[in-house]
Amino acid sequence: MKRWTIYRKIKGYDNYEVSIHGDVRNRKFKKLKRTCYDKDGYLIVGLHKKGVKKIYKVHRLVGQAFIDNKKHLPQINHKDEVKDNNHISNLEWCTHAYNSAYGTVIERKKATWQRKRELARAGM
């Protein structure tokens, strides 16, 4: 079943767009970009412009494209603490202090360890 979604252009990258679900694709060919995990467990994607590749965290691209940041807050928080759930309903702009205090450190470490174990089992 095909899911309904909305895409918006990525600022500074006219050839790419990001969806409310966190999918990044080429605008011309509608081909999804491959994502992978960084060392901290966040999904990242490489975008090219004028022959130069730059790596971006997917949740920041979603936040910049879809979530108002009138207070110019510096960070994006995952409300459910799942670092690869980049749907707009799970993201919010916040301060560093708020983001650091959100949830407990032990729960984060446990969730990250469990996620890495799941990925290893899946062969990723």
PDB file of N, CA and C in Angstrom:
ATOM      1  N   MET A   1       0.843  -1.180   0.000  1.00  0.00           N
ATOM      2  CA  MET A   1       0.000   0.000   0.000  1.00  0.00           C
ATOM      3  C   MET A   1       0.891   1.246   0.000  1.00  0.00           C
ATOM      4  N   LYS A   2       0.585   2.144  -0.871  1.00  0.00           N
ATOM      5  CA  LYS A   2       1.363   3.368  -0.984  1.00  0.00           C
ATOM      6  C   LYS A   2       0.904   4.358   0.081  1.00  0.00           C
ATOM      7  N   ARG A   3       1.847   4.983   0.761  1.00  0.00           N
ATOM      8  CA  ARG A   3       1.463   5.949   1.788  1.00  0.00           C
ATOM      9  C   ARG A   3       1.434   7.358   1.203  1.00  0.00           C
ATOM     10  N   TRP A   4       0.524   8.143   1.712  1.00  0.00           N
ATOM     11  CA  TRP A   4       0.364   9.522   1.304  1.00  0.00           C
ATOM     12  C   TRP A   4       1.450  10.354   1.969  1.00  0.00           C
ATOM     13  N   THR A   5       2.003  11.328   1.244  1.00  0.00           N
ATOM     14  CA  THR A   5       3.029  12.174   1.837  1.00  0.00           C
ATOM     15  C   THR A   5       3.101  13.520   1.131  1.00  0.00           C
ATOM     16  N   ILE A   6       3.816  14.428   1.753  1.00  0.00           N
ATOM     17  CA  ILE A   6       4.083  15.759   1.204  1.00  0.00           C
ATOM     18  C   ILE A   6       5.593  15.927   1.155  1.00  0.00           C
ATOM     19  N   TYR A   7       6.085  16.493   0.066  1.00  0.00           N
ATOM     20  CA  TYR A   7       7.507  16.804  -0.067  1.00  0.00           C
ATOM     21  C   TYR A   7       7.691  18.311  -0.170  1.00  0.00           C
ATOM     22  N   ARG A   8       8.832  18.787   0.343  1.00  0.00           N
ATOM     23  CA  ARG A   8       9.234  20.185   0.172  1.00  0.00           C
ATOM     24  C   ARG A   8      10.699  20.233  -0.223  1.00  0.00           C
ATOM     25  N   LYS A   9      11.041  21.289  -0.982  1.00  0.00           N
ATOM     26  CA  LYS A   9      12.429  21.465  -1.403  1.00  0.00           C
ATOM     27  C   LYS A   9      13.330  21.656  -0.190  1.00  0.00           C
ATOM     28  N   ILE A  10      14.552  21.152  -0.304  1.00  0.00           N
ATOM     29  CA  ILE A  10      15.549  21.333   0.747  1.00  0.00           C
ATOM     30  C   ILE A  10      16.276  22.643   0.475  1.00  0.00           C
ATOM     31  N   LYS A  11      16.284  23.521   1.459  1.00  0.00           N
ATOM     32  CA  LYS A  11      16.902  24.835   1.313  1.00  0.00           C
ATOM     33  C   LYS A  11      18.373  24.689   0.918  1.00  0.00           C
ATOM     34  N   GLY A  12      18.744  25.366  -0.157  1.00  0.00           N
ATOM     35  CA  GLY A  12      20.120  25.337  -0.625  1.00  0.00           C
ATOM     36  C   GLY A  12      20.426  24.187  -1.571  1.00  0.00           C
ATOM     37  N   TYR A  13      19.461  23.290  -1.759  1.00  0.00           N
ATOM     38  CA  TYR A  13      19.633  22.126  -2.635  1.00  0.00           C
ATOM     39  C   TYR A  13      18.388  21.980  -3.512  1.00  0.00           C
ATOM     40  N   ASP A  14      18.366  22.696  -4.621  1.00  0.00           N
ATOM     41  CA  ASP A  14      17.189  22.708  -5.491  1.00  0.00           C
ATOM     42  C   ASP A  14      16.881  21.359  -6.124  1.00  0.00           C
ATOM     43  N   ASN A  15      17.855  20.450  -6.165  1.00  0.00           N
ATOM     44  CA  ASN A  15      17.643  19.143  -6.790  1.00  0.00           C
ATOM     45  C   ASN A  15      17.060  18.098  -5.842  1.00  0.00           C
ATOM     46  N   TYR A  16      16.872  18.443  -4.570  1.00  0.00           N
ATOM     47  CA  TYR A  16      16.411  17.463  -3.589  1.00  0.00           C
ATOM     48  C   TYR A  16      15.202  17.987  -2.830  1.00  0.00           C
ATOM     49  N   GLU A  17      14.411  17.031  -2.324  1.00  0.00           N
ATOM     50  CA  GLU A  17      13.280  17.376  -1.474  1.00  0.00           C
ATOM     51  C   GLU A  17      13.143  16.335  -0.366  1.00  0.00           C
ATOM     52  N   VAL A  18      12.497  16.747   0.726  1.00  0.00           N
ATOM     53  CA  VAL A  18      12.322  15.881   1.896  1.00  0.00           C
ATOM     54  C   VAL A  18      10.831  15.778   2.204  1.00  0.00           C
ATOM     55  N   SER A  19      10.413  14.610   2.685  1.00  0.00           N
ATOM     56  CA  SER A  19       8.992  14.394   2.981  1.00  0.00           C
ATOM     57  C   SER A  19       8.720  14.534   4.477  1.00  0.00           C
ATOM     58  N   ILE A  20       7.423  14.558   4.813  1.00  0.00           N
ATOM     59  CA  ILE A  20       7.021  14.629   6.218  1.00  0.00           C
ATOM     60  C   ILE A  20       7.404  13.364   6.971  1.00  0.00           C
ATOM     61  N   HIS A  21       7.718  12.296   6.250  1.00  0.00           N
ATOM     62  CA  HIS A  21       8.129  11.026   6.858  1.00  0.00           C
ATOM     63  C   HIS A  21       9.641  10.921   7.017  1.00  0.00           C
ATOM     64  N   GLY A  22      10.386  11.862   6.421  1.00  0.00           N
ATOM     65  CA  GLY A  22      11.839  11.809   6.495  1.00  0.00           C
ATOM     66  C   GLY A  22      12.492  11.165   5.287  1.00  0.00           C
ATOM     67  N   ASP A  23      11.741  10.965   4.213  1.00  0.00           N
ATOM     68  CA  ASP A  23      12.331  10.447   2.979  1.00  0.00           C
ATOM     69  C   ASP A  23      12.956  11.603   2.205  1.00  0.00           C
ATOM     70  N   VAL A  24      14.143  11.380   1.662  1.00  0.00           N
ATOM     71  CA  VAL A  24      14.828  12.385   0.855  1.00  0.00           C
ATOM     72  C   VAL A  24      14.929  11.824  -0.557  1.00  0.00           C
ATOM     73  N   ARG A  25      14.562  12.643  -1.546  1.00  0.00           N
ATOM     74  CA  ARG A  25      14.610  12.152  -2.921  1.00  0.00           C
ATOM     75  C   ARG A  25      15.084  13.229  -3.888  1.00  0.00           C
ATOM     76  N   ASN A  26      15.522  12.754  -5.057  1.00  0.00           N
ATOM     77  CA  ASN A  26      15.894  13.614  -6.165  1.00  0.00           C
ATOM     78  C   ASN A  26      14.604  14.167  -6.767  1.00  0.00           C
ATOM     79  N   ARG A  27      14.535  15.466  -6.984  1.00  0.00           N
ATOM     80  CA  ARG A  27      13.300  16.084  -7.479  1.00  0.00           C
ATOM     81  C   ARG A  27      12.993  15.715  -8.920  1.00  0.00           C
ATOM     82  N   LYS A  28      14.019  15.590  -9.746  1.00  0.00           N
ATOM     83  CA  LYS A  28      13.799  15.330 -11.171  1.00  0.00           C
ATOM     84  C   LYS A  28      13.330  13.898 -11.423  1.00  0.00           C
ATOM     85  N   PHE A  29      14.017  12.930 -10.839  1.00  0.00           N
ATOM     86  CA  PHE A  29      13.730  11.522 -11.110  1.00  0.00           C
ATOM     87  C   PHE A  29      12.862  10.856 -10.036  1.00  0.00           C
ATOM     88  N   LYS A  30      12.596  11.578  -8.932  1.00  0.00           N
ATOM     89  CA  LYS A  30      11.780  11.064  -7.816  1.00  0.00           C
ATOM     90  C   LYS A  30      12.390   9.815  -7.178  1.00  0.00           C
ATOM     91  N   LYS A  31      13.699   9.678  -7.292  1.00  0.00           N
ATOM     92  CA  LYS A  31      14.395   8.522  -6.725  1.00  0.00           C
ATOM     93  C   LYS A  31      14.813   8.831  -5.285  1.00  0.00           C
ATOM     94  N   LEU A  32      14.470   7.917  -4.368  1.00  0.00           N
ATOM     95  CA  LEU A  32      14.825   8.106  -2.961  1.00  0.00           C
ATOM     96  C   LEU A  32      16.327   7.991  -2.773  1.00  0.00           C
ATOM     97  N   LYS A  33      16.855   8.870  -1.931  1.00  0.00           N
ATOM     98  CA  LYS A  33      18.272   8.816  -1.574  1.00  0.00           C
ATOM     99  C   LYS A  33      18.456   7.762  -0.489  1.00  0.00           C
ATOM    100  N   ARG A  34      19.567   7.079  -0.548  1.00  0.00           N
ATOM    101  CA  ARG A  34      19.887   6.075   0.466  1.00  0.00           C
ATOM    102  C   ARG A  34      20.357   6.791   1.734  1.00  0.00           C
ATOM    103  N   THR A  35      19.839   6.343   2.858  1.00  0.00           N
ATOM    104  CA  THR A  35      20.270   6.882   4.148  1.00  0.00           C
ATOM    105  C   THR A  35      21.066   5.816   4.886  1.00  0.00           C
ATOM    106  N   CYS A  36      21.828   6.259   5.870  1.00  0.00           N
ATOM    107  CA  CYS A  36      22.530   5.327   6.749  1.00  0.00           C
ATOM    108  C   CYS A  36      22.599   5.962   8.133  1.00  0.00           C
ATOM    109  N   TYR A  37      23.124   5.211   9.081  1.00  0.00           N
ATOM    110  CA  TYR A  37      23.199   5.683  10.460  1.00  0.00           C
ATOM    111  C   TYR A  37      24.568   6.277  10.747  1.00  0.00           C
ATOM    112  N   ASP A  38      24.574   7.391  11.499  1.00  0.00           N
ATOM    113  CA  ASP A  38      25.853   7.932  11.956  1.00  0.00           C
ATOM    114  C   ASP A  38      26.252   7.227  13.254  1.00  0.00           C
ATOM    115  N   LYS A  39      27.375   7.620  13.816  1.00  0.00           N
ATOM    116  CA  LYS A  39      27.904   6.953  15.012  1.00  0.00           C
ATOM    117  C   LYS A  39      26.983   7.091  16.227  1.00  0.00           C
ATOM    118  N   ASP A  40      26.090   8.082  16.205  1.00  0.00           N
ATOM    119  CA  ASP A  40      25.184   8.302  17.331  1.00  0.00           C
ATOM    120  C   ASP A  40      23.798   7.699  17.114  1.00  0.00           C
ATOM    121  N   GLY A  41      23.575   7.050  15.978  1.00  0.00           N
ATOM    122  CA  GLY A  41      22.305   6.397  15.718  1.00  0.00           C
ATOM    123  C   GLY A  41      21.284   7.220  14.956  1.00  0.00           C
ATOM    124  N   TYR A  42      21.683   8.406  14.457  1.00  0.00           N
ATOM    125  CA  TYR A  42      20.781   9.242  13.673  1.00  0.00           C
ATOM    126  C   TYR A  42      20.905   8.898  12.195  1.00  0.00           C
ATOM    127  N   LEU A  43      19.792   8.999  11.465  1.00  0.00           N
ATOM    128  CA  LEU A  43      19.834   8.779  10.022  1.00  0.00           C
ATOM    129  C   LEU A  43      20.469   9.984   9.340  1.00  0.00           C
ATOM    130  N   ILE A  44      21.380   9.702   8.412  1.00  0.00           N
ATOM    131  CA  ILE A  44      22.052  10.756   7.661  1.00  0.00           C
ATOM    132  C   ILE A  44      21.909  10.480   6.169  1.00  0.00           C
ATOM    133  N   VAL A  45      22.100  11.537   5.382  1.00  0.00           N
ATOM    134  CA  VAL A  45      22.009  11.425   3.929  1.00  0.00           C
ATOM    135  C   VAL A  45      23.038  12.369   3.309  1.00  0.00           C
ATOM    136  N   GLY A  46      23.608  11.955   2.195  1.00  0.00           N
ATOM    137  CA  GLY A  46      24.564  12.791   1.479  1.00  0.00           C
ATOM    138  C   GLY A  46      23.882  13.525   0.338  1.00  0.00           C
ATOM    139  N   LEU A  47      24.056  14.850   0.298  1.00  0.00           N
ATOM    140  CA  LEU A  47      23.492  15.670  -0.774  1.00  0.00           C
ATOM    141  C   LEU A  47      24.634  16.290  -1.573  1.00  0.00           C
ATOM    142  N   HIS A  48      24.464  16.331  -2.889  1.00  0.00           N
ATOM    143  CA  HIS A  48      25.495  16.867  -3.778  1.00  0.00           C
ATOM    144  C   HIS A  48      25.057  18.205  -4.368  1.00  0.00           C
ATOM    145  N   LYS A  49      26.022  19.124  -4.431  1.00  0.00           N
ATOM    146  CA  LYS A  49      25.799  20.407  -5.093  1.00  0.00           C
ATOM    147  C   LYS A  49      27.118  20.846  -5.709  1.00  0.00           C
ATOM    148  N   LYS A  50      27.104  21.071  -7.008  1.00  0.00           N
ATOM    149  CA  LYS A  50      28.296  21.508  -7.746  1.00  0.00           C
ATOM    150  C   LYS A  50      29.479  20.580  -7.500  1.00  0.00           C
ATOM    151  N   GLY A  51      29.212  19.284  -7.480  1.00  0.00           N
ATOM    152  CA  GLY A  51      30.266  18.292  -7.323  1.00  0.00           C
ATOM    153  C   GLY A  51      30.765  18.090  -5.907  1.00  0.00           C
ATOM    154  N   VAL A  52      30.168  18.774  -4.950  1.00  0.00           N
ATOM    155  CA  VAL A  52      30.589  18.661  -3.549  1.00  0.00           C
ATOM    156  C   VAL A  52      29.490  17.949  -2.762  1.00  0.00           C
ATOM    157  N   LYS A  53      29.883  16.911  -2.027  1.00  0.00           N
ATOM    158  CA  LYS A  53      28.936  16.149  -1.213  1.00  0.00           C
ATOM    159  C   LYS A  53      29.001  16.632   0.229  1.00  0.00           C
ATOM    160  N   LYS A  54      27.833  16.823   0.823  1.00  0.00           N
ATOM    161  CA  LYS A  54      27.751  17.211   2.229  1.00  0.00           C
ATOM    162  C   LYS A  54      26.752  16.286   2.914  1.00  0.00           C
ATOM    163  N   ILE A  55      27.072  15.887   4.148  1.00  0.00           N
ATOM    164  CA  ILE A  55      26.239  14.967   4.921  1.00  0.00           C
ATOM    165  C   ILE A  55      25.316  15.768   5.848  1.00  0.00           C
ATOM    166  N   TYR A  56      24.041  15.375   5.875  1.00  0.00           N
ATOM    167  CA  TYR A  56      23.051  16.029   6.729  1.00  0.00           C
ATOM    168  C   TYR A  56      22.291  14.990   7.536  1.00  0.00           C
ATOM    169  N   LYS A  57      21.890  15.378   8.737  1.00  0.00           N
ATOM    170  CA  LYS A  57      21.007  14.537   9.541  1.00  0.00           C
ATOM    171  C   LYS A  57      19.586  14.735   9.014  1.00  0.00           C
ATOM    172  N   VAL A  58      18.909  13.636   8.774  1.00  0.00           N
ATOM    173  CA  VAL A  58      17.585  13.677   8.156  1.00  0.00           C
ATOM    174  C   VAL A  58      16.587  14.440   9.026  1.00  0.00           C
ATOM    175  N   HIS A  59      16.639  14.267  10.339  1.00  0.00           N
ATOM    176  CA  HIS A  59      15.668  14.948  11.198  1.00  0.00           C
ATOM    177  C   HIS A  59      15.802  16.466  11.116  1.00  0.00           C
ATOM    178  N   ARG A  60      17.008  16.966  10.894  1.00  0.00           N
ATOM    179  CA  ARG A  60      17.194  18.413  10.741  1.00  0.00           C
ATOM    180  C   ARG A  60      16.604  18.897   9.416  1.00  0.00           C
ATOM    181  N   LEU A  61      16.754  18.100   8.368  1.00  0.00           N
ATOM    182  CA  LEU A  61      16.170  18.474   7.074  1.00  0.00           C
ATOM    183  C   LEU A  61      14.648  18.544   7.172  1.00  0.00           C
ATOM    184  N   VAL A  62      14.042  17.574   7.869  1.00  0.00           N
ATOM    185  CA  VAL A  62      12.587  17.572   8.064  1.00  0.00           C
ATOM    186  C   VAL A  62      12.177  18.800   8.877  1.00  0.00           C
ATOM    187  N   GLY A  63      12.889  19.058   9.958  1.00  0.00           N
ATOM    188  CA  GLY A  63      12.576  20.208  10.803  1.00  0.00           C
ATOM    189  C   GLY A  63      12.676  21.526  10.058  1.00  0.00           C
ATOM    190  N   GLN A  64      13.745  21.692   9.286  1.00  0.00           N
ATOM    191  CA  GLN A  64      13.937  22.934   8.541  1.00  0.00           C
ATOM    192  C   GLN A  64      12.873  23.121   7.466  1.00  0.00           C
ATOM    193  N   ALA A  65      12.406  22.037   6.884  1.00  0.00           N
ATOM    194  CA  ALA A  65      11.425  22.127   5.802  1.00  0.00           C
ATOM    195  C   ALA A  65       9.985  22.287   6.298  1.00  0.00           C
ATOM    196  N   PHE A  66       9.658  21.710   7.441  1.00  0.00           N
ATOM    197  CA  PHE A  66       8.248  21.616   7.835  1.00  0.00           C
ATOM    198  C   PHE A  66       7.880  22.232   9.183  1.00  0.00           C
ATOM    199  N   ILE A  67       8.821  22.421  10.083  1.00  0.00           N
ATOM    200  CA  ILE A  67       8.463  22.834  11.445  1.00  0.00           C
ATOM    201  C   ILE A  67       8.884  24.279  11.688  1.00  0.00           C
ATOM    202  N   ASP A  68       7.923  25.108  12.089  1.00  0.00           N
ATOM    203  CA  ASP A  68       8.205  26.515  12.391  1.00  0.00           C
ATOM    204  C   ASP A  68       9.242  26.631  13.495  1.00  0.00           C
ATOM    205  N   ASN A  69      10.166  27.554  13.331  1.00  0.00           N
ATOM    206  CA  ASN A  69      11.193  27.795  14.346  1.00  0.00           C
ATOM    207  C   ASN A  69      11.290  29.300  14.596  1.00  0.00           C
ATOM    208  N   LYS A  70      10.177  29.892  15.000  1.00  0.00           N
ATOM    209  CA  LYS A  70      10.108  31.339  15.207  1.00  0.00           C
ATOM    210  C   LYS A  70      11.049  31.825  16.306  1.00  0.00           C
ATOM    211  N   LYS A  71      11.337  30.953  17.272  1.00  0.00           N
ATOM    212  CA  LYS A  71      12.223  31.334  18.380  1.00  0.00           C
ATOM    213  C   LYS A  71      13.688  31.069  18.050  1.00  0.00           C
ATOM    214  N   HIS A  72      13.961  30.584  16.860  1.00  0.00           N
ATOM    215  CA  HIS A  72      15.334  30.292  16.403  1.00  0.00           C
ATOM    216  C   HIS A  72      16.053  29.337  17.352  1.00  0.00           C
ATOM    217  N   LEU A  73      15.361  28.285  17.751  1.00  0.00           N
ATOM    218  CA  LEU A  73      15.952  27.269  18.625  1.00  0.00           C
ATOM    219  C   LEU A  73      16.950  26.435  17.830  1.00  0.00           C
ATOM    220  N   PRO A  74      18.037  25.981  18.476  1.00  0.00           N
ATOM    221  CA  PRO A  74      19.138  25.368  17.732  1.00  0.00           C
ATOM    222  C   PRO A  74      19.035  23.872  17.455  1.00  0.00           C
ATOM    223  N   GLN A  75      18.194  23.140  18.176  1.00  0.00           N
ATOM    224  CA  GLN A  75      18.214  21.685  18.048  1.00  0.00           C
ATOM    225  C   GLN A  75      16.824  21.114  17.787  1.00  0.00           C
ATOM    226  N   ILE A  76      16.827  19.901  17.247  1.00  0.00           N
ATOM    227  CA  ILE A  76      15.592  19.145  17.016  1.00  0.00           C
ATOM    228  C   ILE A  76      15.556  17.983  18.008  1.00  0.00           C
ATOM    229  N   ASN A  77      14.435  17.834  18.701  1.00  0.00           N
ATOM    230  CA  ASN A  77      14.243  16.740  19.649  1.00  0.00           C
ATOM    231  C   ASN A  77      13.319  15.696  19.039  1.00  0.00           C
ATOM    232  N   HIS A  78      13.658  14.419  19.241  1.00  0.00           N
ATOM    233  CA  HIS A  78      12.770  13.310  18.888  1.00  0.00           C
ATOM    234  C   HIS A  78      11.896  13.042  20.111  1.00  0.00           C
ATOM    235  N   LYS A  79      10.630  13.349  20.024  1.00  0.00           N
ATOM    236  CA  LYS A  79       9.724  13.245  21.173  1.00  0.00           C
ATOM    237  C   LYS A  79       9.661  11.841  21.755  1.00  0.00           C
ATOM    238  N   ASP A  80       9.706  10.822  20.904  1.00  0.00           N
ATOM    239  CA  ASP A  80       9.616   9.448  21.401  1.00  0.00           C
ATOM    240  C   ASP A  80      10.980   8.822  21.678  1.00  0.00           C
ATOM    241  N   GLU A  81      12.042   9.618  21.536  1.00  0.00           N
ATOM    242  CA  GLU A  81      13.423   9.182  21.797  1.00  0.00           C
ATOM    243  C   GLU A  81      13.943   8.165  20.780  1.00  0.00           C
ATOM    244  N   VAL A  82      13.194   7.904  19.725  1.00  0.00           N
ATOM    245  CA  VAL A  82      13.645   6.975  18.684  1.00  0.00           C
ATOM    246  C   VAL A  82      14.318   7.810  17.600  1.00  0.00           C
ATOM    247  N   LYS A  83      15.629   7.674  17.504  1.00  0.00           N
ATOM    248  CA  LYS A  83      16.426   8.560  16.661  1.00  0.00           C
ATOM    249  C   LYS A  83      16.172   8.411  15.168  1.00  0.00           C
ATOM    250  N   ASP A  84      15.594   7.297  14.741  1.00  0.00           N
ATOM    251  CA  ASP A  84      15.324   7.160  13.312  1.00  0.00           C
ATOM    252  C   ASP A  84      13.834   7.310  12.976  1.00  0.00           C
ATOM    253  N   ASN A  85      13.048   7.814  13.926  1.00  0.00           N
ATOM    254  CA  ASN A  85      11.653   8.162  13.656  1.00  0.00           C
ATOM    255  C   ASN A  85      11.624   9.651  13.314  1.00  0.00           C
ATOM    256  N   ASN A  86      11.737   9.956  12.034  1.00  0.00           N
ATOM    257  CA  ASN A  86      11.874  11.340  11.590  1.00  0.00           C
ATOM    258  C   ASN A  86      10.583  11.939  11.040  1.00  0.00           C
ATOM    259  N   HIS A  87       9.441  11.395  11.428  1.00  0.00           N
ATOM    260  CA  HIS A  87       8.150  11.957  11.023  1.00  0.00           C
ATOM    261  C   HIS A  87       7.957  13.297  11.728  1.00  0.00           C
ATOM    262  N   ILE A  88       7.336  14.260  11.041  1.00  0.00           N
ATOM    263  CA  ILE A  88       7.193  15.595  11.633  1.00  0.00           C
ATOM    264  C   ILE A  88       6.424  15.582  12.953  1.00  0.00           C
ATOM    265  N   SER A  89       5.526  14.633  13.145  1.00  0.00           N
ATOM    266  CA  SER A  89       4.764  14.572  14.399  1.00  0.00           C
ATOM    267  C   SER A  89       5.648  14.180  15.580  1.00  0.00           C
ATOM    268  N   ASN A  90       6.839  13.661  15.310  1.00  0.00           N
ATOM    269  CA  ASN A  90       7.753  13.218  16.361  1.00  0.00           C
ATOM    270  C   ASN A  90       8.885  14.209  16.612  1.00  0.00           C
ATOM    271  N   LEU A  91       8.918  15.309  15.887  1.00  0.00           N
ATOM    272  CA  LEU A  91      10.037  16.248  15.990  1.00  0.00           C
ATOM    273  C   LEU A  91       9.582  17.593  16.521  1.00  0.00           C
ATOM    274  N   GLU A  92      10.490  18.262  17.251  1.00  0.00           N
ATOM    275  CA  GLU A  92      10.220  19.610  17.751  1.00  0.00           C
ATOM    276  C   GLU A  92      11.535  20.354  17.907  1.00  0.00           C
ATOM    277  N   TRP A  93      11.506  21.679  17.643  1.00  0.00           N
ATOM    278  CA  TRP A  93      12.680  22.511  17.890  1.00  0.00           C
ATOM    279  C   TRP A  93      12.814  22.727  19.393  1.00  0.00           C
ATOM    280  N   CYS A  94      14.049  22.795  19.889  1.00  0.00           N
ATOM    281  CA  CYS A  94      14.262  22.970  21.328  1.00  0.00           C
ATOM    282  C   CYS A  94      15.654  23.536  21.601  1.00  0.00           C
ATOM    283  N   THR A  95      15.886  23.852  22.865  1.00  0.00           N
ATOM    284  CA  THR A  95      17.207  24.303  23.305  1.00  0.00           C
ATOM    285  C   THR A  95      18.089  23.090  23.579  1.00  0.00           C
ATOM    286  N   HIS A  96      19.375  23.331  23.693  1.00  0.00           N
ATOM    287  CA  HIS A  96      20.301  22.248  24.029  1.00  0.00           C
ATOM    288  C   HIS A  96      19.969  21.677  25.411  1.00  0.00           C
ATOM    289  N   ALA A  97      19.683  22.556  26.375  1.00  0.00           N
ATOM    290  CA  ALA A  97      19.379  22.107  27.742  1.00  0.00           C
ATOM    291  C   ALA A  97      18.140  21.209  27.759  1.00  0.00           C
ATOM    292  N   TYR A  98      17.113  21.611  27.042  1.00  0.00           N
ATOM    293  CA  TYR A  98      15.879  20.815  26.984  1.00  0.00           C
ATOM    294  C   TYR A  98      16.147  19.461  26.340  1.00  0.00           C
ATOM    295  N   ASN A  99      16.871  19.467  25.237  1.00  0.00           N
ATOM    296  CA  ASN A  99      17.158  18.234  24.507  1.00  0.00           C
ATOM    297  C   ASN A  99      17.981  17.273  25.358  1.00  0.00           C
ATOM    298  N   SER A 100      18.940  17.806  26.092  1.00  0.00           N
ATOM    299  CA  SER A 100      19.790  16.972  26.942  1.00  0.00           C
ATOM    300  C   SER A 100      19.017  16.373  28.106  1.00  0.00           C
ATOM    301  N   ALA A 101      18.055  17.116  28.626  1.00  0.00           N
ATOM    302  CA  ALA A 101      17.296  16.656  29.788  1.00  0.00           C
ATOM    303  C   ALA A 101      16.102  15.787  29.405  1.00  0.00           C
ATOM    304  N   TYR A 102      15.759  15.739  28.140  1.00  0.00           N
ATOM    305  CA  TYR A 102      14.575  15.012  27.681  1.00  0.00           C
ATOM    306  C   TYR A 102      14.816  13.514  27.815  1.00  0.00           C
ATOM    307  N   GLY A 103      13.998  12.842  28.618  1.00  0.00           N
ATOM    308  CA  GLY A 103      14.194  11.414  28.863  1.00  0.00           C
ATOM    309  C   GLY A 103      15.360  11.197  29.812  1.00  0.00           C
ATOM    310  N   THR A 104      15.720   9.968  30.025  1.00  0.00           N
ATOM    311  CA  THR A 104      16.841   9.677  30.912  1.00  0.00           C
ATOM    312  C   THR A 104      18.011   9.134  30.119  1.00  0.00           C
ATOM    313  N   VAL A 105      19.191   9.353  30.617  1.00  0.00           N
ATOM    314  CA  VAL A 105      20.404   8.886  29.951  1.00  0.00           C
ATOM    315  C   VAL A 105      20.408   7.365  29.854  1.00  0.00           C
ATOM    316  N   ILE A 106      19.985   6.694  30.904  1.00  0.00           N
ATOM    317  CA  ILE A 106      19.981   5.224  30.909  1.00  0.00           C
ATOM    318  C   ILE A 106      19.037   4.686  29.837  1.00  0.00           C
ATOM    319  N   GLU A 107      17.848   5.280  29.718  1.00  0.00           N
ATOM    320  CA  GLU A 107      16.900   4.829  28.699  1.00  0.00           C
ATOM    321  C   GLU A 107      17.451   5.050  27.297  1.00  0.00           C
ATOM    322  N   ARG A 108      18.141   6.160  27.097  1.00  0.00           N
ATOM    323  CA  ARG A 108      18.738   6.429  25.785  1.00  0.00           C
ATOM    324  C   ARG A 108      19.801   5.403  25.448  1.00  0.00           C
ATOM    325  N   LYS A 109      20.675   5.123  26.403  1.00  0.00           N
ATOM    326  CA  LYS A 109      21.738   4.149  26.152  1.00  0.00           C
ATOM    327  C   LYS A 109      21.138   2.774  25.860  1.00  0.00           C
ATOM    328  N   LYS A 110      20.104   2.407  26.618  1.00  0.00           N
ATOM    329  CA  LYS A 110      19.455   1.113  26.415  1.00  0.00           C
ATOM    330  C   LYS A 110      18.806   1.054  25.033  1.00  0.00           C
ATOM    331  N   ALA A 111      18.102   2.108  24.641  1.00  0.00           N
ATOM    332  CA  ALA A 111      17.435   2.143  23.337  1.00  0.00           C
ATOM    333  C   ALA A 111      18.452   2.077  22.206  1.00  0.00           C
ATOM    334  N   THR A 112      19.565   2.796  22.341  1.00  0.00           N
ATOM    335  CA  THR A 112      20.602   2.788  21.310  1.00  0.00           C
ATOM    336  C   THR A 112      21.218   1.403  21.199  1.00  0.00           C
ATOM    337  N   TRP A 113      21.508   0.774  22.345  1.00  0.00           N
ATOM    338  CA  TRP A 113      22.102  -0.562  22.336  1.00  0.00           C
ATOM    339  C   TRP A 113      21.151  -1.558  21.691  1.00  0.00           C
ATOM    340  N   GLN A 114      19.868  -1.492  22.050  1.00  0.00           N
ATOM    341  CA  GLN A 114      18.879  -2.408  21.477  1.00  0.00           C
ATOM    342  C   GLN A 114      18.739  -2.190  19.978  1.00  0.00           C
ATOM    343  N   ARG A 115      18.761  -0.945  19.537  1.00  0.00           N
ATOM    344  CA  ARG A 115      18.639  -0.637  18.107  1.00  0.00           C
ATOM    345  C   ARG A 115      19.843  -1.183  17.339  1.00  0.00           C
ATOM    346  N   LYS A 116      21.032  -1.013  17.885  1.00  0.00           N
ATOM    347  CA  LYS A 116      22.233  -1.536  17.230  1.00  0.00           C
ATOM    348  C   LYS A 116      22.172  -3.059  17.130  1.00  0.00           C
ATOM    349  N   ARG A 117      21.651  -3.704  18.177  1.00  0.00           N
ATOM    350  CA  ARG A 117      21.515  -5.158  18.165  1.00  0.00           C
ATOM    351  C   ARG A 117      20.513  -5.595  17.097  1.00  0.00           C
ATOM    352  N   GLU A 118      19.398  -4.879  16.977  1.00  0.00           N
ATOM    353  CA  GLU A 118      18.409  -5.192  15.947  1.00  0.00           C
ATOM    354  C   GLU A 118      19.000  -5.038  14.549  1.00  0.00           C
ATOM    355  N   LEU A 119      19.770  -3.976  14.349  1.00  0.00           N
ATOM    356  CA  LEU A 119      20.393  -3.755  13.044  1.00  0.00           C
ATOM    357  C   LEU A 119      21.401  -4.849  12.728  1.00  0.00           C
ATOM    358  N   ALA A 120      22.152  -5.285  13.735  1.00  0.00           N
ATOM    359  CA  ALA A 120      23.135  -6.347  13.529  1.00  0.00           C
ATOM    360  C   ALA A 120      22.429  -7.650  13.145  1.00  0.00           C
ATOM    361  N   ARG A 121      21.315  -7.933  13.797  1.00  0.00           N
ATOM    362  CA  ARG A 121      20.545  -9.144  13.476  1.00  0.00           C
ATOM    363  C   ARG A 121      19.991  -9.087  12.056  1.00  0.00           C
ATOM    364  N   ALA A 122      19.626  -7.879  11.630  1.00  0.00           N
ATOM    365  CA  ALA A 122      19.062  -7.709  10.287  1.00  0.00           C
ATOM    366  C   ALA A 122      20.149  -7.675   9.218  1.00  0.00           C
ATOM    367  N   GLY A 123      21.406  -7.667   9.654  1.00  0.00           N
ATOM    368  CA  GLY A 123      22.516  -7.662   8.712  1.00  0.00           C
ATOM    369  C   GLY A 123      22.817  -6.309   8.110  1.00  0.00           C
ATOM    370  N   MET A 124      22.422  -5.239   8.789  1.00  0.00           N
ATOM    371  CA  MET A 124      22.658  -3.888   8.261  1.00  0.00           C
ATOM    372  C   MET A 124      23.940  -3.314   8.795  1.00  0.00           C
TER     373      MET A 124
END
